[in-house]
Amino acid sequence: LEDNIRGMPPLSAMLAAGESQEAIAAKIVGEMSCTRVAPQVVRYGPCKTEDLRARMVSTLKLLSVTEVRGILEEQGQVEMECEF
């Protein structure tokens, strides 16, 4: 895969030339076999307010207790902001 990618032109150039996602993926995998799965639409924000709190809490749980304590000592609070 790395050799295939190294030998490719820049992604922006391929897209500007009108190459499809499938064609670019085929160049990446080369001789390897692959199966296309059902495409999914990626969606970013705005977040639903009721979902935002749970998502932020989940993200906060990724920090260690030591990190959270350090933030609290330094800033007095842990502040999070959704930028989507």
PDB file of N, CA and C in Angstrom:
ATOM      1  N   LEU A   1       0.817  -1.177   0.000  1.00  0.00           N
ATOM      2  CA  LEU A   1       0.000   0.000   0.000  1.00  0.00           C
ATOM      3  C   LEU A   1       0.868   1.250   0.000  1.00  0.00           C
ATOM      4  N   GLU A   2       1.901   1.257   0.863  1.00  0.00           N
ATOM      5  CA  GLU A   2       2.762   2.429   0.943  1.00  0.00           C
ATOM      6  C   GLU A   2       3.434   2.714  -0.392  1.00  0.00           C
ATOM      7  N   ASP A   3       3.899   1.670  -1.075  1.00  0.00           N
ATOM      8  CA  ASP A   3       4.531   1.864  -2.390  1.00  0.00           C
ATOM      9  C   ASP A   3       3.536   2.425  -3.397  1.00  0.00           C
ATOM     10  N   ASN A   4       2.320   1.916  -3.362  1.00  0.00           N
ATOM     11  CA  ASN A   4       1.292   2.415  -4.276  1.00  0.00           C
ATOM     12  C   ASN A   4       1.025   3.900  -4.029  1.00  0.00           C
ATOM     13  N   ILE A   5       0.906   4.259  -2.774  1.00  0.00           N
ATOM     14  CA  ILE A   5       0.624   5.654  -2.430  1.00  0.00           C
ATOM     15  C   ILE A   5       1.798   6.540  -2.808  1.00  0.00           C
ATOM     16  N   ARG A   6       3.011   6.066  -2.542  1.00  0.00           N
ATOM     17  CA  ARG A   6       4.207   6.843  -2.888  1.00  0.00           C
ATOM     18  C   ARG A   6       4.274   7.128  -4.383  1.00  0.00           C
ATOM     19  N   GLY A   7       3.798   6.210  -5.201  1.00  0.00           N
ATOM     20  CA  GLY A   7       3.867   6.362  -6.645  1.00  0.00           C
ATOM     21  C   GLY A   7       2.716   7.164  -7.245  1.00  0.00           C
ATOM     22  N   MET A   8       1.793   7.592  -6.409  1.00  0.00           N
ATOM     23  CA  MET A   8       0.629   8.324  -6.905  1.00  0.00           C
ATOM     24  C   MET A   8       0.904   9.820  -6.973  1.00  0.00           C
ATOM     25  N   PRO A   9       0.216  10.508  -7.886  1.00  0.00           N
ATOM     26  CA  PRO A   9       0.286  11.969  -7.876  1.00  0.00           C
ATOM     27  C   PRO A   9      -0.453  12.498  -6.642  1.00  0.00           C
ATOM     28  N   PRO A  10      -0.311  13.778  -6.326  1.00  0.00           N
ATOM     29  CA  PRO A  10      -1.032  14.334  -5.176  1.00  0.00           C
ATOM     30  C   PRO A  10      -2.546  14.125  -5.312  1.00  0.00           C
ATOM     31  N   LEU A  11      -3.187  13.878  -4.201  1.00  0.00           N
ATOM     32  CA  LEU A  11      -4.628  13.636  -4.185  1.00  0.00           C
ATOM     33  C   LEU A  11      -5.385  14.800  -4.806  1.00  0.00           C
ATOM     34  N   SER A  12      -4.975  16.024  -4.476  1.00  0.00           N
ATOM     35  CA  SER A  12      -5.672  17.196  -5.023  1.00  0.00           C
ATOM     36  C   SER A  12      -5.584  17.220  -6.546  1.00  0.00           C
ATOM     37  N   ALA A  13      -4.463  16.779  -7.101  1.00  0.00           N
ATOM     38  CA  ALA A  13      -4.311  16.745  -8.557  1.00  0.00           C
ATOM     39  C   ALA A  13      -5.232  15.694  -9.175  1.00  0.00           C
ATOM     40  N   MET A  14      -5.351  14.542  -8.519  1.00  0.00           N
ATOM     41  CA  MET A  14      -6.231  13.496  -9.041  1.00  0.00           C
ATOM     42  C   MET A  14      -7.686  13.951  -9.000  1.00  0.00           C
ATOM     43  N   LEU A  15      -8.077  14.595  -7.907  1.00  0.00           N
ATOM     44  CA  LEU A  15      -9.452  15.084  -7.811  1.00  0.00           C
ATOM     45  C   LEU A  15      -9.708  16.189  -8.831  1.00  0.00           C
ATOM     46  N   ALA A  16      -8.741  17.084  -9.001  1.00  0.00           N
ATOM     47  CA  ALA A  16      -8.887  18.164  -9.982  1.00  0.00           C
ATOM     48  C   ALA A  16      -8.992  17.616 -11.394  1.00  0.00           C
ATOM     49  N   ALA A  17      -8.359  16.472 -11.645  1.00  0.00           N
ATOM     50  CA  ALA A  17      -8.416  15.840 -12.959  1.00  0.00           C
ATOM     51  C   ALA A  17      -9.720  15.064 -13.160  1.00  0.00           C
ATOM     52  N   GLY A  18     -10.556  15.039 -12.122  1.00  0.00           N
ATOM     53  CA  GLY A  18     -11.851  14.387 -12.246  1.00  0.00           C
ATOM     54  C   GLY A  18     -11.857  12.907 -11.914  1.00  0.00           C
ATOM     55  N   GLU A  19     -10.785  12.412 -11.294  1.00  0.00           N
ATOM     56  CA  GLU A  19     -10.764  10.990 -10.936  1.00  0.00           C
ATOM     57  C   GLU A  19     -11.780  10.715  -9.831  1.00  0.00           C
ATOM     58  N   SER A  20     -12.469   9.612  -9.947  1.00  0.00           N
ATOM     59  CA  SER A  20     -13.489   9.250  -8.962  1.00  0.00           C
ATOM     60  C   SER A  20     -12.840   8.671  -7.710  1.00  0.00           C
ATOM     61  N   GLN A  21     -13.620   8.625  -6.650  1.00  0.00           N
ATOM     62  CA  GLN A  21     -13.153   8.013  -5.404  1.00  0.00           C
ATOM     63  C   GLN A  21     -12.789   6.553  -5.644  1.00  0.00           C
ATOM     64  N   GLU A  22     -13.584   5.879  -6.451  1.00  0.00           N
ATOM     65  CA  GLU A  22     -13.332   4.464  -6.728  1.00  0.00           C
ATOM     66  C   GLU A  22     -12.010   4.281  -7.467  1.00  0.00           C
ATOM     67  N   ALA A  23     -11.734   5.165  -8.435  1.00  0.00           N
ATOM     68  CA  ALA A  23     -10.488   5.066  -9.195  1.00  0.00           C
ATOM     69  C   ALA A  23      -9.283   5.323  -8.297  1.00  0.00           C
ATOM     70  N   ILE A  24      -9.402   6.277  -7.409  1.00  0.00           N
ATOM     71  CA  ILE A  24      -8.305   6.589  -6.491  1.00  0.00           C
ATOM     72  C   ILE A  24      -8.091   5.417  -5.530  1.00  0.00           C
ATOM     73  N   ALA A  25      -9.189   4.857  -5.015  1.00  0.00           N
ATOM     74  CA  ALA A  25      -9.073   3.704  -4.113  1.00  0.00           C
ATOM     75  C   ALA A  25      -8.433   2.524  -4.829  1.00  0.00           C
ATOM     76  N   ALA A  26      -8.782   2.311  -6.094  1.00  0.00           N
ATOM     77  CA  ALA A  26      -8.197   1.211  -6.870  1.00  0.00           C
ATOM     78  C   ALA A  26      -6.695   1.402  -7.025  1.00  0.00           C
ATOM     79  N   LYS A  27      -6.249   2.642  -7.204  1.00  0.00           N
ATOM     80  CA  LYS A  27      -4.808   2.909  -7.307  1.00  0.00           C
ATOM     81  C   LYS A  27      -4.109   2.621  -5.982  1.00  0.00           C
ATOM     82  N   ILE A  28      -4.771   2.923  -4.891  1.00  0.00           N
ATOM     83  CA  ILE A  28      -4.169   2.696  -3.577  1.00  0.00           C
ATOM     84  C   ILE A  28      -4.006   1.210  -3.312  1.00  0.00           C
ATOM     85  N   VAL A  29      -5.061   0.420  -3.539  1.00  0.00           N
ATOM     86  CA  VAL A  29      -4.990  -1.014  -3.222  1.00  0.00           C
ATOM     87  C   VAL A  29      -4.250  -1.815  -4.279  1.00  0.00           C
ATOM     88  N   GLY A  30      -4.128  -1.280  -5.482  1.00  0.00           N
ATOM     89  CA  GLY A  30      -3.353  -1.947  -6.529  1.00  0.00           C
ATOM     90  C   GLY A  30      -3.856  -3.338  -6.825  1.00  0.00           C
ATOM     91  N   GLU A  31      -2.985  -4.311  -6.673  1.00  0.00           N
ATOM     92  CA  GLU A  31      -3.307  -5.705  -7.001  1.00  0.00           C
ATOM     93  C   GLU A  31      -4.114  -6.413  -5.916  1.00  0.00           C
ATOM     94  N   MET A  32      -4.219  -5.804  -4.758  1.00  0.00           N
ATOM     95  CA  MET A  32      -4.972  -6.423  -3.669  1.00  0.00           C
ATOM     96  C   MET A  32      -6.456  -6.420  -4.016  1.00  0.00           C
ATOM     97  N   SER A  33      -7.149  -7.392  -3.520  1.00  0.00           N
ATOM     98  CA  SER A  33      -8.582  -7.394  -3.758  1.00  0.00           C
ATOM     99  C   SER A  33      -9.268  -6.610  -2.642  1.00  0.00           C
ATOM    100  N   CYS A  34     -10.347  -5.959  -3.000  1.00  0.00           N
ATOM    101  CA  CYS A  34     -11.112  -5.236  -1.989  1.00  0.00           C
ATOM    102  C   CYS A  34     -12.569  -5.246  -2.400  1.00  0.00           C
ATOM    103  N   THR A  35     -13.427  -5.052  -1.434  1.00  0.00           N
ATOM    104  CA  THR A  35     -14.858  -5.047  -1.674  1.00  0.00           C
ATOM    105  C   THR A  35     -15.415  -3.703  -1.225  1.00  0.00           C
ATOM    106  N   ARG A  36     -16.174  -3.091  -2.101  1.00  0.00           N
ATOM    107  CA  ARG A  36     -16.794  -1.821  -1.755  1.00  0.00           C
ATOM    108  C   ARG A  36     -18.042  -2.108  -0.932  1.00  0.00           C
ATOM    109  N   VAL A  37     -18.162  -1.417   0.175  1.00  0.00           N
ATOM    110  CA  VAL A  37     -19.350  -1.549   1.007  1.00  0.00           C
ATOM    111  C   VAL A  37     -20.279  -0.382   0.709  1.00  0.00           C
ATOM    112  N   ALA A  38     -21.448  -0.433   1.253  1.00  0.00           N
ATOM    113  CA  ALA A  38     -22.428   0.627   1.002  1.00  0.00           C
ATOM    114  C   ALA A  38     -21.869   1.974   1.453  1.00  0.00           C
ATOM    115  N   PRO A  39     -21.938   2.971   0.592  1.00  0.00           N
ATOM    116  CA  PRO A  39     -21.419   4.295   0.975  1.00  0.00           C
ATOM    117  C   PRO A  39     -22.268   4.914   2.076  1.00  0.00           C
ATOM    118  N   GLN A  40     -21.626   5.730   2.883  1.00  0.00           N
ATOM    119  CA  GLN A  40     -22.320   6.426   3.962  1.00  0.00           C
ATOM    120  C   GLN A  40     -22.050   7.908   3.833  1.00  0.00           C
ATOM    121  N   VAL A  41     -23.022   8.700   4.153  1.00  0.00           N
ATOM    122  CA  VAL A  41     -22.870  10.150   4.129  1.00  0.00           C
ATOM    123  C   VAL A  41     -22.267  10.588   5.451  1.00  0.00           C
ATOM    124  N   VAL A  42     -21.160  11.317   5.381  1.00  0.00           N
ATOM    125  CA  VAL A  42     -20.524  11.845   6.579  1.00  0.00           C
ATOM    126  C   VAL A  42     -21.174  13.181   6.885  1.00  0.00           C
ATOM    127  N   ARG A  43     -21.570  13.357   8.108  1.00  0.00           N
ATOM    128  CA  ARG A  43     -22.266  14.579   8.484  1.00  0.00           C
ATOM    129  C   ARG A  43     -21.611  15.161   9.728  1.00  0.00           C
ATOM    130  N   TYR A  44     -21.345  16.434   9.662  1.00  0.00           N
ATOM    131  CA  TYR A  44     -20.775  17.150  10.796  1.00  0.00           C
ATOM    132  C   TYR A  44     -21.722  18.268  11.184  1.00  0.00           C
ATOM    133  N   GLY A  45     -21.998  18.392  12.455  1.00  0.00           N
ATOM    134  CA  GLY A  45     -22.769  19.466  13.043  1.00  0.00           C
ATOM    135  C   GLY A  45     -23.717  20.159  12.100  1.00  0.00           C
ATOM    136  N   PRO A  46     -24.519  21.060  12.553  1.00  0.00           N
ATOM    137  CA  PRO A  46     -24.514  21.426  13.964  1.00  0.00           C
ATOM    138  C   PRO A  46     -25.074  20.298  14.814  1.00  0.00           C
ATOM    139  N   CYS A  47     -24.519  20.159  15.974  1.00  0.00           N
ATOM    140  CA  CYS A  47     -24.921  19.070  16.865  1.00  0.00           C
ATOM    141  C   CYS A  47     -26.275  19.363  17.485  1.00  0.00           C
ATOM    142  N   LYS A  48     -27.011  18.332  17.729  1.00  0.00           N
ATOM    143  CA  LYS A  48     -28.257  18.479  18.476  1.00  0.00           C
ATOM    144  C   LYS A  48     -27.868  18.729  19.927  1.00  0.00           C
ATOM    145  N   THR A  49     -28.470  19.726  20.512  1.00  0.00           N
ATOM    146  CA  THR A  49     -28.123  20.119  21.880  1.00  0.00           C
ATOM    147  C   THR A  49     -28.233  18.956  22.852  1.00  0.00           C
ATOM    148  N   GLU A  50     -29.262  18.122  22.693  1.00  0.00           N
ATOM    149  CA  GLU A  50     -29.450  17.009  23.634  1.00  0.00           C
ATOM    150  C   GLU A  50     -28.347  15.947  23.493  1.00  0.00           C
ATOM    151  N   ASP A  51     -27.737  15.844  22.318  1.00  0.00           N
ATOM    152  CA  ASP A  51     -26.657  14.880  22.108  1.00  0.00           C
ATOM    153  C   ASP A  51     -25.293  15.437  22.504  1.00  0.00           C
ATOM    154  N   LEU A  52     -25.176  16.749  22.463  1.00  0.00           N
ATOM    155  CA  LEU A  52     -23.888  17.395  22.666  1.00  0.00           C
ATOM    156  C   LEU A  52     -23.294  17.104  24.039  1.00  0.00           C
ATOM    157  N   ARG A  53     -24.087  17.193  25.080  1.00  0.00           N
ATOM    158  CA  ARG A  53     -23.573  16.966  26.434  1.00  0.00           C
ATOM    159  C   ARG A  53     -23.004  15.561  26.570  1.00  0.00           C
ATOM    160  N   ALA A  54     -23.735  14.567  26.114  1.00  0.00           N
ATOM    161  CA  ALA A  54     -23.265  13.178  26.219  1.00  0.00           C
ATOM    162  C   ALA A  54     -21.981  12.973  25.420  1.00  0.00           C
ATOM    163  N   ARG A  55     -21.904  13.580  24.247  1.00  0.00           N
ATOM    164  CA  ARG A  55     -20.696  13.438  23.429  1.00  0.00           C
ATOM    165  C   ARG A  55     -19.508  14.120  24.077  1.00  0.00           C
ATOM    166  N   MET A  56     -19.739  15.275  24.687  1.00  0.00           N
ATOM    167  CA  MET A  56     -18.641  15.981  25.354  1.00  0.00           C
ATOM    168  C   MET A  56     -18.182  15.226  26.596  1.00  0.00           C
ATOM    169  N   VAL A  57     -19.121  14.648  27.336  1.00  0.00           N
ATOM    170  CA  VAL A  57     -18.754  13.852  28.503  1.00  0.00           C
ATOM    171  C   VAL A  57     -17.932  12.646  28.069  1.00  0.00           C
ATOM    172  N   SER A  58     -18.318  12.004  26.986  1.00  0.00           N
ATOM    173  CA  SER A  58     -17.546  10.864  26.470  1.00  0.00           C
ATOM    174  C   SER A  58     -16.130  11.282  26.100  1.00  0.00           C
ATOM    175  N   THR A  59     -16.007  12.444  25.495  1.00  0.00           N
ATOM    176  CA  THR A  59     -14.686  12.958  25.127  1.00  0.00           C
ATOM    177  C   THR A  59     -13.877  13.272  26.373  1.00  0.00           C
ATOM    178  N   LEU A  60     -14.504  13.886  27.352  1.00  0.00           N
ATOM    179  CA  LEU A  60     -13.821  14.229  28.600  1.00  0.00           C
ATOM    180  C   LEU A  60     -13.311  12.978  29.306  1.00  0.00           C
ATOM    181  N   LYS A  61     -14.040  11.874  29.200  1.00  0.00           N
ATOM    182  CA  LYS A  61     -13.630  10.621  29.838  1.00  0.00           C
ATOM    183  C   LYS A  61     -12.336  10.060  29.247  1.00  0.00           C
ATOM    184  N   LEU A  62     -11.943  10.551  28.076  1.00  0.00           N
ATOM    185  CA  LEU A  62     -10.697  10.105  27.464  1.00  0.00           C
ATOM    186  C   LEU A  62      -9.471  10.667  28.196  1.00  0.00           C
ATOM    187  N   LEU A  63      -9.667  11.757  28.937  1.00  0.00           N
ATOM    188  CA  LEU A  63      -8.568  12.347  29.703  1.00  0.00           C
ATOM    189  C   LEU A  63      -8.384  11.577  31.004  1.00  0.00           C
ATOM    190  N   SER A  64      -7.152  11.533  31.455  1.00  0.00           N
ATOM    191  CA  SER A  64      -6.899  10.872  32.738  1.00  0.00           C
ATOM    192  C   SER A  64      -7.320  11.791  33.878  1.00  0.00           C
ATOM    193  N   VAL A  65      -7.489  11.218  35.058  1.00  0.00           N
ATOM    194  CA  VAL A  65      -7.842  11.994  36.237  1.00  0.00           C
ATOM    195  C   VAL A  65      -6.758  13.039  36.503  1.00  0.00           C
ATOM    196  N   THR A  66      -5.506  12.659  36.296  1.00  0.00           N
ATOM    197  CA  THR A  66      -4.387  13.585  36.501  1.00  0.00           C
ATOM    198  C   THR A  66      -4.486  14.777  35.562  1.00  0.00           C
ATOM    199  N   GLU A  67      -4.831  14.525  34.296  1.00  0.00           N
ATOM    200  CA  GLU A  67      -4.978  15.617  33.337  1.00  0.00           C
ATOM    201  C   GLU A  67      -6.108  16.555  33.732  1.00  0.00           C
ATOM    202  N   VAL A  68      -7.243  15.987  34.131  1.00  0.00           N
ATOM    203  CA  VAL A  68      -8.390  16.805  34.528  1.00  0.00           C
ATOM    204  C   VAL A  68      -8.042  17.631  35.764  1.00  0.00           C
ATOM    205  N   ARG A  69      -7.387  17.025  36.730  1.00  0.00           N
ATOM    206  CA  ARG A  69      -6.987  17.764  37.939  1.00  0.00           C
ATOM    207  C   ARG A  69      -6.025  18.899  37.584  1.00  0.00           C
ATOM    208  N   GLY A  70      -5.115  18.620  36.676  1.00  0.00           N
ATOM    209  CA  GLY A  70      -4.166  19.648  36.241  1.00  0.00           C
ATOM    210  C   GLY A  70      -4.869  20.831  35.595  1.00  0.00           C
ATOM    211  N   ILE A  71      -5.854  20.542  34.769  1.00  0.00           N
ATOM    212  CA  ILE A  71      -6.634  21.611  34.124  1.00  0.00           C
ATOM    213  C   ILE A  71      -7.390  22.408  35.179  1.00  0.00           C
ATOM    214  N   LEU A  72      -7.999  21.697  36.130  1.00  0.00           N
ATOM    215  CA  LEU A  72      -8.752  22.380  37.187  1.00  0.00           C
ATOM    216  C   LEU A  72      -7.846  23.269  38.034  1.00  0.00           C
ATOM    217  N   GLU A  73      -6.654  22.776  38.367  1.00  0.00           N
ATOM    218  CA  GLU A  73      -5.717  23.578  39.157  1.00  0.00           C
ATOM    219  C   GLU A  73      -5.243  24.807  38.375  1.00  0.00           C
ATOM    220  N   GLU A  74      -5.005  24.623  37.092  1.00  0.00           N
ATOM    221  CA  GLU A  74      -4.475  25.706  36.267  1.00  0.00           C
ATOM    222  C   GLU A  74      -5.543  26.723  35.872  1.00  0.00           C
ATOM    223  N   GLN A  75      -6.734  26.235  35.520  1.00  0.00           N
ATOM    224  CA  GLN A  75      -7.749  27.122  34.960  1.00  0.00           C
ATOM    225  C   GLN A  75      -8.989  27.290  35.841  1.00  0.00           C
ATOM    226  N   GLY A  76      -9.112  26.445  36.855  1.00  0.00           N
ATOM    227  CA  GLY A  76     -10.267  26.553  37.746  1.00  0.00           C
ATOM    228  C   GLY A  76     -11.512  25.845  37.235  1.00  0.00           C
ATOM    229  N   GLN A  77     -11.501  25.434  35.979  1.00  0.00           N
ATOM    230  CA  GLN A  77     -12.645  24.715  35.397  1.00  0.00           C
ATOM    231  C   GLN A  77     -12.177  23.985  34.139  1.00  0.00           C
ATOM    232  N   VAL A  78     -12.962  23.033  33.726  1.00  0.00           N
ATOM    233  CA  VAL A  78     -12.710  22.351  32.457  1.00  0.00           C
ATOM    234  C   VAL A  78     -13.738  22.880  31.475  1.00  0.00           C
ATOM    235  N   GLU A  79     -13.266  23.511  30.432  1.00  0.00           N
ATOM    236  CA  GLU A  79     -14.161  24.111  29.456  1.00  0.00           C
ATOM    237  C   GLU A  79     -14.009  23.396  28.119  1.00  0.00           C
ATOM    238  N   MET A  80     -15.130  23.067  27.516  1.00  0.00           N
ATOM    239  CA  MET A  80     -15.119  22.403  26.218  1.00  0.00           C
ATOM    240  C   MET A  80     -15.973  23.217  25.253  1.00  0.00           C
ATOM    241  N   GLU A  81     -15.575  23.202  24.007  1.00  0.00           N
ATOM    242  CA  GLU A  81     -16.313  23.951  22.993  1.00  0.00           C
ATOM    243  C   GLU A  81     -16.420  23.120  21.728  1.00  0.00           C
ATOM    244  N   CYS A  82     -17.612  23.014  21.201  1.00  0.00           N
ATOM    245  CA  CYS A  82     -17.832  22.313  19.936  1.00  0.00           C
ATOM    246  C   CYS A  82     -17.582  23.298  18.809  1.00  0.00           C
ATOM    247  N   GLU A  83     -16.699  22.953  17.896  1.00  0.00           N
ATOM    248  CA  GLU A  83     -16.340  23.865  16.822  1.00  0.00           C
ATOM    249  C   GLU A  83     -16.920  23.453  15.478  1.00  0.00           C
ATOM    250  N   PHE A  84     -17.936  22.597  15.487  1.00  0.00           N
ATOM    251  CA  PHE A  84     -18.536  22.184  14.229  1.00  0.00           C
ATOM    252  C   PHE A  84     -19.767  22.990  13.945  1.00  0.00           C
TER     253      PHE A  84
END
